Amino acid sequence: MARTKSLETTKDEPTNLEARIASAISLAGPRNVAEISRLTRVHPETVRYKIKKRFERLGFRFHADVNLAKLGLQPNVATLNFSRAYYDKATKILGRLNDVGYLTFYGKIVPQGHFIAEFALPEGKAEQYERFLSKLKARGILDGFALNHITAGRSKTMDARFFNFSSGRWEVDWERVRSLAATPLTIEKASAASDIDYQDLLVVKELQKDARQHLTDIARKLKLHQKALEYHYRTHVQGRELVPSYKIRWTQDTTKRPAHASVITTRLTFQNLTPAEYHSIQSAISKIPFLWTESVLDNKAYVATLNVPVLDILEVSNYINDAISDSGGKMEMGYIRPSQAHSYTIPYNMFQKGEWRFTVSEMDSVLRRS
């Protein structure tokens, strides 16, 4: 039987213990201490301490990875070029689109100057949404836009193999990265929408915000009966796999941290790739330890978002340059400006009377008052 260690005697812990716990969290979720303990063969109290104390101090956050298709939603991304007259109002307008228009993320890309906006739209509503954006262009709010459906996408949990939990720093061996097996991004068969209700969505959005929350705390926060909430979580959220996995991510505030702990969110967009170029580039990008998301759009573009520590940005750039040296000018690299970016949960507020409310006139009316 493996020897269990007290919380005080950590000096003889295996060097990869915390990395093993991090990997198990992506499968079981941070609340399922018993399952993490079983997967890692680490004492439950040690697991609980690592999640509640150690990982928190190191800057890790835990989020539910939601199956949008089972909620009846589809992921879309837009490139938005705001006109000069509305440039200073862009973030306010985008914030309103979260209130009434299914927006789940926006960020300004520098130095290019356009915004990226992600939407979780009800099935079959992308064409109507494109007409709505056309109205914004006709009114002079946008100079131009492009709305694309994400045909294949993936959110990646952190690659804990390259993080030194003792020093709290990334220590990436790029030769080892190059030798890793690539992780292909494939178009999966769409999941059929599940029968959901508003309480299910409330639980999901809370787990998106912080997956460590206990159901008791969520019930208290939402002013719902605990037993009823437990039923929705067990029977619907878990039983119907609305949350099939979890993300553990290392995030730091660039304005409050020393250089080694600051990060730059980097966005790579590849256009007009041949199948061979796509395979080569996606294989290389999928190995980067700082990869957060990657997706293929319906216009065949490949997009990746990285959260790169400041001190590693040159090494990441060198790695990417080596990987795409023969792809010509098909890549755009930009950086998301933190002060003009925001992430949101699923648009739970748009679900009323058992269905997703979608009215272009309402969205247009709200924006006219912005």
Protein backbone atom coordinates (compact mmCIF):
# COMPACT_ATOMS: atom_id res chain seq x y z
CA MET A 1 0.00 0.00 0.00
CA ALA A 2 1.32 3.45 -0.86
CA ARG A 3 2.46 5.50 2.10
CA THR A 4 0.23 8.48 2.78
CA LYS A 5 1.90 11.76 3.71
CA SER A 6 0.73 14.35 6.16
CA LEU A 7 0.20 17.87 4.90
CA GLU A 8 3.29 19.02 6.75
CA THR A 9 5.73 16.51 5.25
CA THR A 10 5.78 17.66 1.65
CA LYS A 11 9.52 17.71 1.05
CA ASP A 12 9.52 14.06 -0.03
CA GLU A 13 6.49 14.32 -2.31
CA PRO A 14 6.98 13.12 -5.89
CA THR A 15 7.99 16.03 -8.10
CA ASN A 16 5.01 15.40 -10.40
CA LEU A 17 2.39 15.02 -7.65
CA GLU A 18 0.73 18.39 -8.25
CA ALA A 19 0.88 17.91 -12.01
CA ARG A 20 -0.94 14.58 -11.59
CA ILE A 21 -3.61 16.25 -9.46
CA ALA A 22 -4.01 19.01 -12.07
CA SER A 23 -4.52 16.43 -14.83
CA ALA A 24 -7.08 14.52 -12.76
CA ILE A 25 -9.04 17.71 -12.07
CA SER A 26 -9.73 18.13 -15.79
CA LEU A 27 -11.51 14.77 -15.78
CA ALA A 28 -13.25 14.75 -12.41
CA GLY A 29 -13.64 18.42 -11.56
CA PRO A 30 -12.14 20.14 -8.49
CA ARG A 31 -15.07 19.22 -6.21
CA ASN A 32 -14.71 15.48 -6.68
CA VAL A 33 -11.87 14.95 -4.23
CA ALA A 34 -12.58 11.23 -3.85
CA GLU A 35 -12.29 10.59 -7.59
CA ILE A 36 -9.12 12.70 -7.89
CA SER A 37 -7.66 10.74 -5.00
CA ARG A 38 -8.54 7.46 -6.72
CA LEU A 39 -7.05 8.56 -10.04
CA THR A 40 -3.81 9.84 -8.50
CA ARG A 41 -3.53 7.57 -5.44
CA VAL A 42 -2.96 10.68 -3.33
CA HIS A 43 -4.56 11.01 0.11
CA PRO A 44 -7.89 12.93 -0.09
CA GLU A 45 -6.78 15.48 2.51
CA THR A 46 -3.66 16.23 0.49
CA VAL A 47 -5.78 16.67 -2.65
CA ARG A 48 -8.15 18.98 -0.79
CA TYR A 49 -5.28 21.07 0.55
CA LYS A 50 -3.65 21.40 -2.87
CA ILE A 51 -6.87 22.59 -4.50
CA LYS A 52 -8.03 24.95 -1.77
CA LYS A 53 -4.71 26.46 -0.73
CA ARG A 54 -1.74 25.60 -2.88
CA PHE A 55 -3.25 25.99 -6.35
CA GLU A 56 -5.08 29.14 -5.31
CA ARG A 57 -1.84 30.84 -4.22
CA LEU A 58 -0.14 29.82 -7.47
CA GLY A 59 -2.79 31.57 -9.55
CA PHE A 60 -4.83 28.60 -10.81
CA ARG A 61 -8.51 28.89 -11.61
CA PHE A 62 -11.03 26.10 -12.25
CA HIS A 63 -13.87 26.33 -14.78
CA ALA A 64 -16.52 24.01 -16.19
CA ASP A 65 -16.09 23.20 -19.88
CA VAL A 66 -19.66 23.32 -21.22
CA ASN A 67 -21.15 21.28 -24.05
CA LEU A 68 -22.97 24.10 -25.84
CA ALA A 69 -24.67 21.77 -28.31
CA LYS A 70 -26.53 20.02 -25.49
CA LEU A 71 -27.82 23.42 -24.39
CA GLY A 72 -29.13 24.08 -27.89
CA LEU A 73 -26.41 26.65 -28.60
CA GLN A 74 -23.76 26.92 -31.30
CA PRO A 75 -20.37 28.71 -31.06
CA ASN A 76 -19.71 31.57 -33.46
CA VAL A 77 -16.98 34.18 -33.67
CA ALA A 78 -17.05 37.63 -35.24
CA THR A 79 -14.37 40.08 -36.29
CA LEU A 80 -15.76 43.57 -35.69
CA ASN A 81 -14.28 46.77 -37.08
CA PHE A 82 -15.86 49.68 -35.23
CA SER A 83 -16.11 53.02 -37.01
CA ARG A 84 -14.09 55.93 -35.68
CA ALA A 85 -17.23 57.62 -34.33
CA TYR A 86 -18.02 54.58 -32.14
CA TYR A 87 -14.49 53.48 -31.32
CA ASP A 88 -14.61 54.75 -27.74
CA LYS A 89 -18.06 53.20 -27.21
CA ALA A 90 -17.10 49.75 -28.46
CA THR A 91 -16.79 48.03 -25.08
CA LYS A 92 -20.09 49.50 -23.89
CA ILE A 93 -21.86 48.23 -27.00
CA LEU A 94 -20.30 44.80 -26.64
CA GLY A 95 -21.31 44.69 -22.98
CA ARG A 96 -24.90 45.31 -24.02
CA LEU A 97 -24.61 42.44 -26.51
CA ASN A 98 -23.88 40.21 -23.54
CA ASP A 99 -27.11 41.40 -21.93
CA VAL A 100 -29.34 40.78 -24.95
CA GLY A 101 -27.28 39.29 -27.76
CA TYR A 102 -25.63 36.03 -26.66
CA LEU A 103 -22.08 37.44 -26.52
CA THR A 104 -19.76 35.38 -24.30
CA PHE A 105 -16.40 37.08 -24.93
CA TYR A 106 -14.92 40.16 -26.52
CA GLY A 107 -11.39 41.44 -26.82
CA LYS A 108 -9.58 44.16 -28.73
CA ILE A 109 -6.72 42.85 -30.85
CA VAL A 110 -3.64 45.04 -30.96
CA PRO A 111 -1.90 46.36 -32.94
CA GLN A 112 -4.53 45.63 -35.61
CA GLY A 113 -7.28 47.46 -33.70
CA HIS A 114 -10.31 45.29 -34.44
CA PHE A 115 -12.39 43.39 -31.87
CA ILE A 116 -13.00 39.68 -31.63
CA ALA A 117 -16.40 38.69 -30.26
CA GLU A 118 -17.63 35.18 -29.48
CA PHE A 119 -21.30 34.27 -29.40
CA ALA A 120 -23.19 31.18 -28.22
CA LEU A 121 -26.19 31.48 -30.53
CA PRO A 122 -29.36 29.38 -30.51
CA GLU A 123 -29.38 26.76 -33.24
CA GLY A 124 -30.30 28.15 -36.63
CA LYS A 125 -30.01 31.83 -35.65
CA ALA A 126 -26.62 32.69 -37.17
CA GLU A 127 -28.14 34.07 -40.38
CA GLN A 128 -30.45 36.39 -38.41
CA TYR A 129 -27.53 37.51 -36.29
CA GLU A 130 -25.55 38.34 -39.42
CA ARG A 131 -28.44 40.53 -40.57
CA PHE A 132 -28.36 42.27 -37.18
CA LEU A 133 -24.65 43.02 -37.57
CA SER A 134 -25.39 44.32 -41.06
CA LYS A 135 -27.78 46.81 -39.46
CA LEU A 136 -25.00 48.00 -37.18
CA LYS A 137 -22.87 48.57 -40.25
CA ALA A 138 -25.68 50.43 -42.02
CA ARG A 139 -26.06 52.71 -38.99
CA GLY A 140 -22.34 53.55 -39.08
CA ILE A 141 -21.46 51.70 -35.87
CA LEU A 142 -19.33 49.17 -37.73
CA ASP A 143 -17.13 49.76 -40.73
CA GLY A 144 -17.13 46.04 -41.40
CA PHE A 145 -17.52 42.61 -39.85
CA ALA A 146 -17.25 38.88 -40.48
CA LEU A 147 -19.32 36.27 -38.61
CA ASN A 148 -18.23 32.64 -38.76
CA HIS A 149 -19.47 29.41 -37.24
CA ILE A 150 -16.91 27.37 -35.30
CA THR A 151 -17.04 23.95 -36.94
CA ALA A 152 -14.47 22.36 -34.63
CA GLY A 153 -13.22 23.74 -31.36
CA ARG A 154 -11.49 22.80 -28.16
CA SER A 155 -10.66 24.44 -24.84
CA LYS A 156 -7.46 23.09 -23.38
CA THR A 157 -6.62 22.68 -19.73
CA MET A 158 -3.11 23.67 -18.62
CA ASP A 159 -0.21 21.38 -19.47
CA ALA A 160 1.06 20.91 -15.94
CA ARG A 161 4.09 18.93 -17.10
CA PHE A 162 5.92 22.18 -17.83
CA PHE A 163 4.99 24.10 -14.67
CA ASN A 164 7.33 24.11 -11.66
CA PHE A 165 4.96 24.02 -8.70
CA SER A 166 7.82 24.69 -6.27
CA SER A 167 8.90 27.98 -7.86
CA GLY A 168 5.50 28.91 -9.27
CA ARG A 169 6.99 29.38 -12.74
CA TRP A 170 6.76 27.82 -16.16
CA GLU A 171 9.90 25.94 -17.17
CA VAL A 172 9.40 24.80 -20.75
CA ASP A 173 11.86 22.49 -22.47
CA TRP A 174 11.08 23.31 -26.10
CA GLU A 175 12.94 20.30 -27.42
CA ARG A 176 10.66 18.15 -25.32
CA VAL A 177 7.65 20.09 -26.66
CA ARG A 178 8.71 19.35 -30.23
CA SER A 179 8.89 15.63 -29.42
CA LEU A 180 5.34 15.47 -28.01
CA ALA A 181 2.56 13.75 -29.89
CA ALA A 182 0.23 16.20 -31.61
CA THR A 183 -3.45 16.36 -30.66
CA PRO A 184 -5.60 16.54 -33.83
CA LEU A 185 -8.61 18.83 -33.87
CA THR A 186 -11.47 17.00 -35.52
CA ILE A 187 -15.03 17.91 -36.36
CA GLU A 188 -17.08 15.91 -33.91
CA LYS A 189 -20.60 14.72 -34.51
CA ALA A 190 -22.93 17.34 -33.08
CA SER A 191 -24.67 16.41 -29.84
CA ALA A 192 -28.45 16.58 -29.81
CA ALA A 193 -29.85 19.29 -27.55
CA SER A 194 -30.92 18.02 -24.14
CA ASP A 195 -34.12 18.83 -22.31
CA ILE A 196 -32.90 21.61 -20.00
CA ASP A 197 -34.48 24.14 -17.68
CA TYR A 198 -33.46 27.44 -16.14
CA GLN A 199 -32.12 25.85 -12.93
CA ASP A 200 -29.75 23.70 -14.97
CA LEU A 201 -28.35 26.80 -16.64
CA LEU A 202 -27.88 28.55 -13.30
CA VAL A 203 -25.79 25.65 -12.01
CA VAL A 204 -23.74 25.50 -15.20
CA LYS A 205 -22.96 29.22 -15.21
CA GLU A 206 -21.85 29.09 -11.57
CA LEU A 207 -19.52 26.17 -12.33
CA GLN A 208 -18.15 28.17 -15.26
CA LYS A 209 -17.30 31.02 -12.91
CA ASP A 210 -15.66 28.83 -10.26
CA ALA A 211 -15.91 25.06 -10.44
CA ARG A 212 -14.76 24.69 -6.82
CA GLN A 213 -18.06 26.00 -5.46
CA HIS A 214 -20.08 23.60 -3.35
CA LEU A 215 -23.72 23.09 -4.23
CA THR A 216 -24.68 24.37 -0.78
CA ASP A 217 -22.99 27.69 -1.51
CA ILE A 218 -24.50 27.87 -4.99
CA ALA A 219 -27.99 27.19 -3.60
CA ARG A 220 -27.52 29.93 -1.00
CA LYS A 221 -26.24 32.39 -3.58
CA LEU A 222 -29.10 31.68 -6.00
CA LYS A 223 -31.69 31.46 -3.21
CA LEU A 224 -32.76 28.00 -4.33
CA HIS A 225 -33.63 24.94 -2.26
CA GLN A 226 -30.50 22.84 -1.81
CA LYS A 227 -32.19 19.48 -2.44
CA ALA A 228 -33.75 20.76 -5.66
CA LEU A 229 -30.40 22.12 -6.82
CA GLU A 230 -28.69 18.81 -6.03
CA TYR A 231 -31.29 17.03 -8.14
CA HIS A 232 -30.66 19.33 -11.11
CA TYR A 233 -26.91 18.92 -10.76
CA ARG A 234 -26.98 15.13 -10.42
CA THR A 235 -29.75 14.30 -12.90
CA HIS A 236 -29.32 17.01 -15.54
CA VAL A 237 -25.87 18.63 -15.36
CA GLN A 238 -24.04 15.38 -14.65
CA GLY A 239 -26.52 12.84 -16.02
CA ARG A 240 -26.88 14.58 -19.38
CA GLU A 241 -23.20 15.56 -19.53
CA LEU A 242 -23.84 19.28 -19.87
CA VAL A 243 -20.38 19.68 -18.32
CA PRO A 244 -18.26 16.81 -19.72
CA SER A 245 -14.92 18.13 -18.42
CA TYR A 246 -13.18 20.89 -16.51
CA LYS A 247 -10.39 23.37 -17.21
CA ILE A 248 -7.62 24.25 -14.82
CA ARG A 249 -5.80 27.35 -15.95
CA TRP A 250 -2.96 29.52 -14.77
CA THR A 251 -3.95 33.18 -14.93
CA GLN A 252 -2.20 36.24 -13.65
CA ASP A 253 -2.91 39.97 -13.62
CA THR A 254 -0.31 41.69 -15.78
CA THR A 255 -0.70 44.94 -13.84
CA LYS A 256 -0.03 43.50 -10.40
CA ARG A 257 2.51 40.73 -10.88
CA PRO A 258 6.28 40.65 -11.37
CA ALA A 259 7.55 40.03 -14.88
CA HIS A 260 7.87 36.25 -14.53
CA ALA A 261 4.20 35.98 -13.50
CA SER A 262 2.71 38.34 -16.09
CA VAL A 263 1.01 36.99 -19.18
CA ILE A 264 0.12 38.13 -22.68
CA THR A 265 -2.97 36.66 -24.32
CA THR A 266 -1.91 35.98 -27.90
CA ARG A 267 -4.21 35.21 -30.82
CA LEU A 268 -3.03 33.43 -33.97
CA THR A 269 -5.15 33.36 -37.11
CA PHE A 270 -4.18 31.31 -40.16
CA GLN A 271 -6.03 31.83 -43.44
CA ASN A 272 -6.09 30.05 -46.80
CA LEU A 273 -4.15 27.00 -45.69
CA THR A 274 -3.75 23.95 -47.84
CA PRO A 275 -4.69 20.68 -46.09
CA ALA A 276 -1.00 19.87 -45.67
CA GLU A 277 -0.25 23.31 -44.20
CA TYR A 278 -3.19 23.04 -41.79
CA HIS A 279 -2.09 19.62 -40.59
CA SER A 280 1.48 20.80 -40.02
CA ILE A 281 0.52 24.03 -38.25
CA GLN A 282 -2.26 22.58 -36.09
CA SER A 283 0.00 19.72 -35.04
CA ALA A 284 2.68 22.16 -33.90
CA ILE A 285 0.33 24.61 -32.17
CA SER A 286 -1.48 21.82 -30.29
CA LYS A 287 1.76 21.02 -28.43
CA ILE A 288 2.33 24.51 -26.99
CA PRO A 289 1.88 24.36 -23.19
CA PHE A 290 0.29 27.84 -23.13
CA LEU A 291 -2.50 26.95 -25.58
CA TRP A 292 -5.98 27.85 -24.26
CA THR A 293 -8.30 27.37 -27.22
CA GLU A 294 -8.11 26.36 -30.86
CA SER A 295 -10.81 26.23 -33.50
CA VAL A 296 -11.55 25.79 -37.17
CA LEU A 297 -14.06 28.20 -38.72
CA ASP A 298 -16.50 27.59 -41.54
CA ASN A 299 -14.27 29.69 -43.83
CA LYS A 300 -11.47 27.15 -43.16
CA ALA A 301 -9.47 29.55 -40.97
CA TYR A 302 -7.58 28.05 -38.03
CA VAL A 303 -7.49 30.16 -34.86
CA ALA A 304 -5.55 29.60 -31.63
CA THR A 305 -5.45 31.58 -28.40
CA LEU A 306 -2.43 31.33 -26.09
CA ASN A 307 -1.89 32.70 -22.60
CA VAL A 308 1.87 33.27 -22.68
CA PRO A 309 4.05 34.39 -19.75
CA VAL A 310 5.89 37.59 -20.69
CA LEU A 311 9.31 36.00 -20.29
CA ASP A 312 8.37 33.19 -22.69
CA ILE A 313 6.94 35.26 -25.55
CA LEU A 314 10.18 35.23 -27.57
CA GLU A 315 10.63 31.46 -27.21
CA VAL A 316 7.01 30.89 -28.23
CA SER A 317 7.50 33.16 -31.25
CA ASN A 318 10.64 31.26 -32.23
CA TYR A 319 8.81 27.95 -31.91
CA ILE A 320 5.91 29.19 -34.06
CA ASN A 321 8.30 30.63 -36.63
CA ASP A 322 10.06 27.29 -36.95
CA ALA A 323 6.72 25.50 -37.29
CA ILE A 324 5.28 27.72 -40.04
CA SER A 325 8.41 28.88 -41.84
CA ASP A 326 7.05 27.73 -45.21
CA SER A 327 3.46 29.01 -44.92
CA GLY A 328 4.14 32.46 -46.34
CA GLY A 329 2.06 35.40 -45.14
CA LYS A 330 -0.92 33.31 -44.03
CA MET A 331 -0.63 34.05 -40.30
CA GLU A 332 -1.80 37.06 -38.30
CA MET A 333 -0.51 37.41 -34.75
CA GLY A 334 -2.16 39.86 -32.37
CA TYR A 335 -2.48 40.45 -28.65
CA ILE A 336 -5.66 40.91 -26.63
CA ARG A 337 -5.65 44.17 -24.69
CA PRO A 338 -6.66 43.28 -21.09
CA SER A 339 -8.42 46.59 -20.40
CA GLN A 340 -10.69 46.05 -23.41
CA ALA A 341 -11.56 42.39 -23.00
CA HIS A 342 -14.15 40.50 -21.00
CA SER A 343 -15.33 36.89 -20.64
CA TYR A 344 -18.88 35.93 -19.70
CA THR A 345 -20.71 32.73 -18.85
CA ILE A 346 -23.36 31.06 -20.98
CA PRO A 347 -26.25 33.46 -21.80
CA TYR A 348 -28.55 31.93 -19.20
CA ASN A 349 -30.56 35.16 -18.92
CA MET A 350 -31.83 34.67 -22.48
CA PHE A 351 -33.59 31.40 -21.58
CA GLN A 352 -37.25 32.03 -20.76
CA LYS A 353 -40.30 29.77 -20.57
CA GLY A 354 -38.32 26.76 -21.68
CA GLU A 355 -36.69 28.23 -24.78
CA TRP A 356 -34.01 30.63 -25.95
CA ARG A 357 -35.44 34.07 -26.60
CA PHE A 358 -34.11 35.62 -29.80
CA THR A 359 -35.52 38.88 -31.09
CA VAL A 360 -33.44 41.07 -33.38
CA SER A 361 -35.74 44.04 -32.77
CA GLU A 362 -35.10 43.81 -29.03
CA MET A 363 -31.33 43.73 -29.53
CA ASP A 364 -31.55 46.69 -31.89
CA SER A 365 -33.74 48.64 -29.45
CA VAL A 366 -31.36 48.10 -26.54
CA LEU A 367 -28.35 49.20 -28.59
CA ARG A 368 -30.13 52.34 -29.71
CA ARG A 369 -30.37 53.34 -26.04
CA SER A 370 -26.66 52.65 -25.40
